[in-house]
Amino acid sequence: MRKPRIVVIALMCMGVVLATAVPPASSAQVVPDRQLVVSLTLDERRVVPIGIDNGADWGDVIIESGTAKASGLTQGTFLRRGIAYTGHLGAQDTVQITFAEGSLVFQATGDFSGPTEAGLLGGTGQFRGVRGAAVITSGEGTQQWAITLLGNTRVDLSSPATETYERELVSTERIMLASAGSTVGNMTLTKGRLVDDSELVADYTASSIVVQDLAGSLERRAVQAMFEFADGTLFVNSMIVADATQLPTKPTAYVISGGTGRFTGASGYAEYQPPSTWTFTTFAQQGAATPVKPTLRGPQEQTRYTRVLTSKTASGGVGDLVLAGGWTRTAGADRGHYNVSAQSVARADARQTLLSFMQYSWGASDRLLVLGLAQTGTSDGPVAPVERAVIGGLGAYVGYSGSVSLTPVSSGKWRTTYQLMR
């Protein structure tokens, strides 16, 4: 296999705007990595047959939960949500390990039984701003996660590197869940390959869910993609705008949130240039990320809410999609917008637990991505204060980590606190 082409370039594409002056890399000291070993014990596994119920061999949702133990931390919990993309032979996983001291958020590729390695995309509490990766060893109903917490997470925007490849599309499949007159809730699975001079470089899988109908024939989609290279996996996330039921026909930006192998802790952005070119831009990291001051605060209000029933099989609401959005504002800034793609992963009485993928956006290019769990009512956002991990951004927020917290004020209204790092 041909080695990837690495080219250092100036930071010009995608209209990236730097929010703060960037000191030279030499001013940051190398910080040693830390190791954390977490033992997981499975208490419950369930499958929501979204794909089977809709005549597809992908789309079933695997949900696992149980306890988590680590030396020096209060006993916690874990939750895994896997989206099957080839029957049960492949799954696109999101995992959150939660302790009283803070949470860790991962993405991974695995199968029905779970992943063998995962990219650490971010965290909350004492883990706010972390990046890294985990190697996973499975036993009978147990897993041991050997997690590397990178010491060097300060992103040096003056040192970008790019890799550019051509895409070969393998397949595009859809599960149509939306009600008449809307595309909200429709799911798409895209598979393909990246090639360099006709030589295979990586396989990729991208899943998306429509979160909002837009004017004309446009729709907004939440996209999570995995690019599996021989020496590591790269995790890419975004919310994009495209023509309904079509792959992007205009240049489209995505956040590089992390990875495994040589992509461990990766931060940057990716661009898809139609008809078939992918470019990945990552940044060197040296020294510990530092908080961006001042901490931003402001109101957030929900203006739309759609619940999509995903399965014809009785599941008590588990597996259903929640697609919502509204506006947000921070001191001294123009009003922005937020979009949510969430899935119910647990339900009890009048409460449900949602795994939420959120985008906060200001203007045409400034975006911040957030991922994590929250407990909500049956038709609203968080009903108790919740902190979720930042997994990257675009525009002024490229390379950002940290967390976003919501504190309920009244029904459909919250106080938002952004604790950001770079």
Protein backbone atom coordinates (compact mmCIF):
# COMPACT_ATOMS: atom_id res chain seq x y z
CA MET A 1 0.00 0.00 0.00
CA ARG A 2 1.34 3.41 -0.91
CA LYS A 3 2.18 5.71 1.97
CA PRO A 4 -0.16 8.73 2.27
CA ARG A 5 1.03 11.98 0.78
CA ILE A 6 1.64 14.60 3.46
CA VAL A 7 1.86 18.21 2.33
CA VAL A 8 2.25 21.20 4.66
CA ILE A 9 0.12 24.11 3.50
CA ALA A 10 -1.06 27.51 4.64
CA LEU A 11 -4.40 27.64 6.42
CA MET A 12 -6.51 29.02 3.60
CA CYS A 13 -9.13 26.51 2.47
CA MET A 14 -12.64 26.27 3.91
CA GLY A 15 -12.61 29.92 5.00
CA VAL A 16 -11.11 29.05 8.39
CA VAL A 17 -10.87 32.09 10.66
CA LEU A 18 -8.56 32.04 13.66
CA ALA A 19 -10.23 33.30 16.81
CA THR A 20 -7.04 34.05 18.75
CA ALA A 21 -3.38 34.66 18.05
CA VAL A 22 -1.41 31.39 18.02
CA PRO A 23 1.97 31.37 19.78
CA PRO A 24 4.77 29.42 18.12
CA ALA A 25 4.91 25.70 18.87
CA SER A 26 8.29 26.11 20.54
CA SER A 27 6.62 28.04 23.39
CA ALA A 28 4.73 24.91 24.50
CA GLN A 29 6.42 22.20 26.53
CA VAL A 30 5.90 18.50 25.86
CA VAL A 31 3.49 17.04 28.42
CA PRO A 32 3.64 13.29 29.21
CA ASP A 33 0.65 11.08 28.39
CA ARG A 34 -1.40 9.47 31.17
CA GLN A 35 -2.85 5.96 31.32
CA LEU A 36 -6.26 5.05 32.71
CA VAL A 37 -7.54 1.47 32.94
CA VAL A 38 -11.32 1.08 33.16
CA SER A 39 -13.17 -2.21 33.75
CA LEU A 40 -16.66 -2.45 32.27
CA THR A 41 -19.28 -5.01 33.32
CA LEU A 42 -22.24 -5.55 31.01
CA ASP A 43 -25.65 -5.43 32.70
CA GLU A 44 -27.96 -5.18 29.68
CA ARG A 45 -27.81 -5.56 25.92
CA ARG A 46 -30.71 -4.91 23.58
CA VAL A 47 -31.16 -4.55 19.84
CA VAL A 48 -33.69 -2.20 18.25
CA PRO A 49 -34.39 -3.72 14.78
CA ILE A 50 -34.70 -0.50 12.79
CA GLY A 51 -33.09 -2.04 9.72
CA ILE A 52 -34.90 -5.38 9.90
CA ASP A 53 -38.26 -3.69 10.38
CA ASN A 54 -37.65 -1.55 7.30
CA GLY A 55 -36.30 -4.27 5.00
CA ALA A 56 -32.61 -3.28 5.29
CA ASP A 57 -29.54 -5.26 6.35
CA TRP A 58 -28.16 -2.24 8.23
CA GLY A 59 -29.50 0.33 10.70
CA ASP A 60 -30.23 -1.96 13.65
CA VAL A 61 -29.20 -0.27 16.90
CA ILE A 62 -27.19 -2.12 19.56
CA ILE A 63 -27.49 -0.62 23.06
CA GLU A 64 -25.34 -1.87 25.95
CA SER A 65 -25.09 -0.52 29.47
CA GLY A 66 -23.47 -1.46 32.75
CA THR A 67 -20.97 -0.43 35.40
CA ALA A 68 -17.51 1.10 35.08
CA LYS A 69 -14.67 0.91 37.61
CA ALA A 70 -11.27 2.61 37.63
CA SER A 71 -8.69 3.13 40.37
CA GLY A 72 -9.12 6.47 42.12
CA LEU A 73 -12.55 7.16 40.63
CA THR A 74 -16.07 6.65 41.99
CA GLN A 75 -17.81 3.63 40.46
CA GLY A 76 -19.61 4.78 37.35
CA THR A 77 -21.57 3.58 34.35
CA PHE A 78 -21.11 3.10 30.62
CA LEU A 79 -23.36 3.17 27.59
CA ARG A 80 -22.64 1.94 24.09
CA ARG A 81 -24.81 2.76 21.06
CA GLY A 82 -23.81 0.90 17.92
CA ILE A 83 -25.36 1.34 14.48
CA ALA A 84 -25.01 -1.88 12.48
CA TYR A 85 -23.83 -1.23 8.95
CA THR A 86 -23.47 -4.78 7.56
CA GLY A 87 -25.92 -6.94 9.41
CA HIS A 88 -24.16 -7.55 12.74
CA LEU A 89 -20.73 -7.90 11.13
CA GLY A 90 -19.90 -4.20 11.47
CA ALA A 91 -21.02 -1.40 13.77
CA GLN A 92 -20.37 2.32 14.10
CA ASP A 93 -20.10 2.86 17.87
CA THR A 94 -20.43 5.77 20.26
CA VAL A 95 -19.48 5.01 23.89
CA GLN A 96 -19.71 7.19 26.97
CA ILE A 97 -18.06 6.16 30.25
CA THR A 98 -19.41 8.26 33.12
CA PHE A 99 -17.99 8.78 36.61
CA ALA A 100 -18.99 11.32 39.24
CA GLU A 101 -15.69 13.05 38.47
CA GLY A 102 -16.43 13.38 34.74
CA SER A 103 -17.21 11.50 31.54
CA LEU A 104 -15.21 10.19 28.57
CA VAL A 105 -16.69 10.08 25.05
CA PHE A 106 -15.45 7.70 22.34
CA GLN A 107 -16.20 6.69 18.78
CA ALA A 108 -15.19 3.30 17.40
CA THR A 109 -15.71 0.74 14.70
CA GLY A 110 -16.49 -2.79 15.80
CA ASP A 111 -19.05 -5.56 15.46
CA PHE A 112 -21.98 -6.88 17.48
CA SER A 113 -19.76 -7.84 20.42
CA GLY A 114 -18.08 -4.42 20.57
CA PRO A 115 -14.91 -2.63 19.43
CA THR A 116 -11.27 -3.59 20.00
CA GLU A 117 -10.02 0.00 19.88
CA ALA A 118 -11.65 3.41 20.13
CA GLY A 119 -10.82 7.07 19.63
CA LEU A 120 -11.23 9.33 22.68
CA LEU A 121 -12.88 12.48 21.34
CA GLY A 122 -13.47 14.50 24.50
CA GLY A 123 -14.74 14.56 28.05
CA THR A 124 -16.33 16.52 30.87
CA GLY A 125 -15.50 17.38 34.47
CA GLN A 126 -11.91 16.51 35.29
CA PHE A 127 -11.65 15.01 31.79
CA ARG A 128 -12.71 18.22 30.03
CA GLY A 129 -10.65 18.75 26.87
CA VAL A 130 -9.03 15.29 26.79
CA ARG A 131 -8.04 13.49 23.60
CA GLY A 132 -6.59 10.03 23.14
CA ALA A 133 -7.46 6.43 22.33
CA ALA A 134 -8.29 3.11 23.99
CA VAL A 135 -7.31 -0.52 23.42
CA ILE A 136 -10.11 -2.87 24.48
CA THR A 137 -9.89 -6.46 25.70
CA SER A 138 -13.18 -8.37 26.00
CA GLY A 139 -14.12 -11.24 28.29
CA GLU A 140 -17.41 -12.93 29.17
CA GLY A 141 -19.65 -9.94 29.87
CA THR A 142 -16.65 -7.73 30.69
CA GLN A 143 -14.26 -5.39 28.94
CA GLN A 144 -11.02 -3.77 29.98
CA TRP A 145 -10.32 -0.39 28.41
CA ALA A 146 -6.66 0.68 28.48
CA ILE A 147 -7.04 4.40 27.75
CA THR A 148 -4.24 6.75 26.76
CA LEU A 149 -5.00 10.35 27.77
CA LEU A 150 -2.76 12.54 25.64
CA GLY A 151 -0.78 15.18 27.47
CA ASN A 152 -0.20 17.22 24.31
CA THR A 153 -3.58 18.53 23.20
CA ARG A 154 -2.76 22.17 22.46
CA VAL A 155 -3.50 22.61 18.75
CA ASP A 156 -0.85 24.49 16.78
CA LEU A 157 -2.81 26.13 13.96
CA SER A 158 0.42 27.34 12.35
CA SER A 159 1.41 23.75 11.46
CA PRO A 160 -1.27 22.17 9.25
CA ALA A 161 -0.69 19.04 7.19
CA THR A 162 -2.98 17.71 4.46
CA GLU A 163 -3.74 14.42 2.78
CA THR A 164 -5.82 14.34 -0.42
CA TYR A 165 -7.41 11.25 -1.96
CA GLU A 166 -9.97 10.36 -4.59
CA ARG A 167 -13.16 8.65 -3.52
CA GLU A 168 -14.67 5.57 -5.13
CA LEU A 169 -18.31 5.21 -4.16
CA VAL A 170 -19.34 1.63 -3.34
CA SER A 171 -22.98 1.98 -2.26
CA THR A 172 -25.64 4.30 -0.91
CA GLU A 173 -28.66 2.91 0.96
CA ARG A 174 -31.56 4.65 2.67
CA ILE A 175 -34.15 3.91 5.33
CA MET A 176 -37.13 6.24 4.90
CA LEU A 177 -38.66 7.00 8.32
CA ALA A 178 -40.01 10.52 7.74
CA SER A 179 -43.67 11.39 7.73
CA ALA A 180 -45.37 12.66 4.56
CA GLY A 181 -44.16 16.05 3.39
CA SER A 182 -40.89 15.87 5.34
CA THR A 183 -37.50 14.16 5.16
CA VAL A 184 -36.69 14.53 8.90
CA GLY A 185 -35.66 11.16 10.30
CA ASN A 186 -34.58 9.58 7.02
CA MET A 187 -31.33 7.63 7.39
CA THR A 188 -28.58 7.11 4.79
CA LEU A 189 -25.60 4.75 4.79
CA THR A 190 -22.76 5.44 2.37
CA LYS A 191 -19.78 3.14 1.80
CA GLY A 192 -16.73 3.86 -0.28
CA ARG A 193 -12.97 3.74 -0.68
CA LEU A 194 -10.20 6.31 -0.78
CA VAL A 195 -7.56 5.70 -3.44
CA ASP A 196 -4.20 7.24 -4.35
CA ASP A 197 -3.17 6.64 -7.97
CA SER A 198 -5.70 3.77 -8.09
CA GLU A 199 -4.20 2.10 -4.99
CA LEU A 200 -6.52 1.48 -2.05
CA VAL A 201 -5.72 3.75 0.91
CA ALA A 202 -8.80 3.45 3.17
CA ASP A 203 -12.34 2.13 3.41
CA TYR A 204 -15.00 4.43 4.75
CA THR A 205 -18.51 4.24 6.14
CA ALA A 206 -20.73 7.29 6.71
CA SER A 207 -24.15 7.29 8.34
CA SER A 208 -26.48 10.28 8.36
CA ILE A 209 -29.87 11.33 9.70
CA VAL A 210 -31.95 14.25 8.42
CA VAL A 211 -32.51 16.68 11.30
CA GLN A 212 -34.25 19.59 9.58
CA ASP A 213 -36.25 20.39 6.44
CA LEU A 214 -34.94 23.53 4.74
CA ALA A 215 -36.25 25.79 2.00
CA GLY A 216 -36.59 24.37 -1.47
CA SER A 217 -35.34 20.82 -1.75
CA LEU A 218 -32.58 21.19 0.86
CA GLU A 219 -32.20 19.32 4.15
CA ARG A 220 -29.81 19.41 7.10
CA ARG A 221 -28.16 16.10 8.04
CA ALA A 222 -26.11 14.89 10.99
CA VAL A 223 -23.19 12.87 9.61
CA GLN A 224 -20.79 10.53 11.39
CA ALA A 225 -18.08 8.91 9.27
CA MET A 226 -15.17 6.50 9.80
CA PHE A 227 -12.15 6.27 7.50
CA GLU A 228 -10.26 3.02 8.14
CA PHE A 229 -6.63 3.27 7.04
CA ALA A 230 -4.10 0.46 7.48
CA ASP A 231 -2.43 2.35 10.35
CA GLY A 232 -5.43 3.87 12.11
CA THR A 233 -9.04 5.01 11.92
CA LEU A 234 -10.10 8.64 11.52
CA PHE A 235 -13.46 9.82 12.92
CA VAL A 236 -15.19 12.68 11.10
CA ASN A 237 -18.43 14.40 12.16
CA SER A 238 -20.57 17.28 10.95
CA MET A 239 -23.99 18.65 10.18
CA ILE A 240 -24.23 19.43 6.50
CA VAL A 241 -26.76 20.93 4.09
CA ALA A 242 -27.47 19.08 0.84
CA ASP A 243 -30.25 18.41 -1.66
CA ALA A 244 -32.78 15.93 -0.34
CA THR A 245 -31.75 12.28 -0.90
CA GLN A 246 -28.56 13.38 -2.72
CA LEU A 247 -24.89 13.21 -1.83
CA PRO A 248 -23.29 16.70 -1.49
CA THR A 249 -22.93 18.54 -4.79
CA LYS A 250 -21.02 21.52 -3.33
CA PRO A 251 -17.81 21.71 -1.24
CA THR A 252 -18.70 20.51 2.26
CA ALA A 253 -16.75 20.81 5.52
CA TYR A 254 -16.52 18.25 8.32
CA VAL A 255 -14.84 18.18 11.74
CA ILE A 256 -11.98 15.75 12.38
CA SER A 257 -12.78 14.69 15.95
CA GLY A 258 -10.09 12.09 16.69
CA GLY A 259 -9.00 8.60 15.83
CA THR A 260 -6.85 5.58 16.57
CA GLY A 261 -3.33 4.55 15.52
CA ARG A 262 -1.54 7.41 13.79
CA PHE A 263 -4.74 9.48 14.12
CA THR A 264 -4.88 9.26 17.93
CA GLY A 265 -5.90 12.68 19.21
CA ALA A 266 -6.21 14.08 15.67
CA SER A 267 -7.79 17.52 15.40
CA GLY A 268 -8.66 19.50 12.29
CA TYR A 269 -11.15 19.46 9.45
CA ALA A 270 -12.00 17.55 6.29
CA GLU A 271 -13.40 18.83 3.01
CA TYR A 272 -15.36 16.90 0.40
CA GLN A 273 -14.95 18.48 -3.03
CA PRO A 274 -17.42 17.07 -5.57
CA PRO A 275 -17.43 14.99 -7.54
CA SER A 276 -14.96 12.72 -5.76
CA THR A 277 -12.14 14.35 -3.72
CA TRP A 278 -11.54 14.21 0.04
CA THR A 279 -8.92 16.43 1.73
CA PHE A 280 -8.01 16.00 5.41
CA THR A 281 -6.22 18.80 7.29
CA THR A 282 -4.79 18.05 10.74
CA PHE A 283 -2.68 20.15 13.11
CA ALA A 284 0.37 19.43 15.23
CA GLN A 285 -0.24 19.27 18.98
CA GLN A 286 2.28 20.28 21.63
CA GLY A 287 1.76 21.19 25.26
CA ALA A 288 -1.51 21.08 27.19
CA ALA A 289 -4.59 22.82 25.81
CA THR A 290 -5.50 25.93 27.77
CA PRO A 291 -8.94 27.39 28.55
CA VAL A 292 -10.23 30.06 26.21
CA LYS A 293 -11.21 33.02 28.37
CA PRO A 294 -13.67 34.33 29.22
CA THR A 295 -16.07 31.41 29.64
CA LEU A 296 -19.07 32.11 27.38
CA ARG A 297 -22.63 32.03 28.70
CA GLY A 298 -26.04 32.77 27.27
CA PRO A 299 -29.65 31.63 26.79
CA GLN A 300 -30.80 28.79 24.56
CA GLU A 301 -34.36 28.20 23.38
CA GLN A 302 -35.97 25.26 21.60
CA THR A 303 -38.15 26.25 18.64
CA ARG A 304 -38.77 22.90 16.94
CA TYR A 305 -39.05 19.29 18.03
CA THR A 306 -39.71 16.14 16.00
CA ARG A 307 -39.93 12.61 17.36
CA VAL A 308 -39.51 9.79 14.83
CA LEU A 309 -40.65 6.26 15.64
CA THR A 310 -37.91 4.04 14.31
CA SER A 311 -39.11 0.50 14.89
CA LYS A 312 -42.31 -1.42 14.33
CA THR A 313 -41.21 -3.76 17.11
CA ALA A 314 -42.30 -2.71 20.60
CA SER A 315 -39.31 -1.10 22.30
CA GLY A 316 -40.91 1.26 24.80
CA GLY A 317 -39.60 4.23 22.87
CA VAL A 318 -35.96 3.12 23.06
CA GLY A 319 -34.31 3.68 19.69
CA ASP A 320 -36.64 6.50 18.67
CA LEU A 321 -35.03 9.57 17.13
CA VAL A 322 -35.39 13.07 18.55
CA LEU A 323 -34.54 15.85 16.07
CA ALA A 324 -34.71 19.35 17.52
CA GLY A 325 -33.23 22.82 17.28
CA GLY A 326 -33.56 26.48 18.05
CA TRP A 327 -31.48 29.56 18.78
CA THR A 328 -28.69 30.41 21.18
CA ARG A 329 -26.89 33.61 22.17
CA THR A 330 -23.69 34.47 24.02
CA ALA A 331 -22.57 37.79 25.46
CA GLY A 332 -21.34 40.15 22.76
CA ALA A 333 -22.12 37.74 19.93
CA ASP A 334 -24.82 37.55 17.28
CA ARG A 335 -27.62 35.09 17.82
CA GLY A 336 -26.69 31.61 16.66
CA HIS A 337 -28.53 28.38 16.05
CA TYR A 338 -28.30 24.84 17.32
CA ASN A 339 -29.40 21.51 15.88
CA VAL A 340 -29.78 18.18 17.69
CA SER A 341 -29.73 14.62 16.40
CA ALA A 342 -30.52 12.39 19.37
CA GLN A 343 -31.57 8.81 19.98
CA SER A 344 -33.38 7.42 23.00
CA VAL A 345 -31.12 4.80 24.63
CA ALA A 346 -33.07 4.26 27.88
CA ARG A 347 -36.52 5.09 29.17
CA ALA A 348 -38.18 4.99 32.59
CA ASP A 349 -41.54 6.51 33.55
CA ALA A 350 -41.63 10.11 32.27
CA ARG A 351 -37.88 10.27 31.68
CA GLN A 352 -35.65 9.14 28.83
CA THR A 353 -31.91 9.14 28.29
CA LEU A 354 -30.80 10.56 24.96
CA LEU A 355 -27.46 10.20 23.21
CA SER A 356 -27.25 13.62 21.58
CA PHE A 357 -25.09 14.89 18.73
CA MET A 358 -25.37 18.70 18.61
CA GLN A 359 -24.12 21.50 16.42
CA TYR A 360 -23.94 25.13 17.54
CA SER A 361 -23.46 27.52 14.62
CA TRP A 362 -22.84 31.23 14.21
CA GLY A 363 -22.89 32.69 10.72
CA ALA A 364 -21.97 30.66 7.67
CA SER A 365 -18.81 28.90 8.87
CA ASP A 366 -18.35 29.00 12.68
CA ARG A 367 -19.51 25.72 14.20
CA LEU A 368 -19.01 23.78 17.42
CA LEU A 369 -19.86 20.05 17.76
CA VAL A 370 -20.99 18.46 21.04
CA LEU A 371 -21.63 14.79 21.88
CA GLY A 372 -22.94 13.07 25.01
CA LEU A 373 -25.78 11.72 27.14
CA ALA A 374 -28.56 13.66 28.87
CA GLN A 375 -31.71 12.78 30.78
CA THR A 376 -34.78 14.52 29.41
CA GLY A 377 -38.54 14.56 29.69
CA THR A 378 -40.58 12.68 27.12
CA SER A 379 -40.84 15.69 24.76
CA ASP A 380 -38.22 18.21 25.83
CA GLY A 381 -34.51 18.77 26.35
CA PRO A 382 -32.50 18.18 29.56
CA VAL A 383 -34.54 18.43 32.77
CA ALA A 384 -31.47 18.66 35.01
CA PRO A 385 -28.08 20.36 34.56
CA VAL A 386 -25.95 18.41 32.10
CA GLU A 387 -22.42 18.79 30.72
CA ARG A 388 -21.46 17.29 27.34
CA ALA A 389 -18.14 17.05 25.53
CA VAL A 390 -17.01 19.30 22.69
CA ILE A 391 -15.56 17.11 19.90
CA GLY A 392 -14.24 19.84 17.61
CA GLY A 393 -15.31 22.73 15.47
CA LEU A 394 -15.00 24.67 12.22
CA GLY A 395 -14.23 28.27 11.32
CA ALA A 396 -13.32 30.22 14.45
CA TYR A 397 -13.71 27.01 16.49
CA VAL A 398 -11.37 24.71 14.54
CA GLY A 399 -9.29 22.63 16.94
CA TYR A 400 -11.45 23.41 19.96
CA SER A 401 -12.17 20.99 22.79
CA GLY A 402 -13.90 21.48 26.17
CA SER A 403 -17.54 21.11 27.13
CA VAL A 404 -20.97 22.73 26.90
CA SER A 405 -23.35 22.69 29.89
CA LEU A 406 -27.10 23.26 29.92
CA THR A 407 -29.05 24.36 33.00
CA PRO A 408 -32.86 24.29 32.67
CA VAL A 409 -34.62 27.63 33.18
CA SER A 410 -38.15 26.70 32.09
CA SER A 411 -39.76 24.36 29.57
CA GLY A 412 -37.75 24.53 26.35
CA LYS A 413 -35.32 27.13 27.72
CA TRP A 414 -31.82 26.70 29.18
CA ARG A 415 -28.81 28.62 30.37
CA THR A 416 -25.81 27.54 28.26
CA THR A 417 -22.20 27.63 29.45
CA TYR A 418 -19.33 27.06 27.01
CA GLN A 419 -16.03 26.03 28.66
CA LEU A 420 -13.70 25.87 25.69
CA MET A 421 -10.03 24.97 25.25
CA ARG A 422 -7.43 24.95 22.50
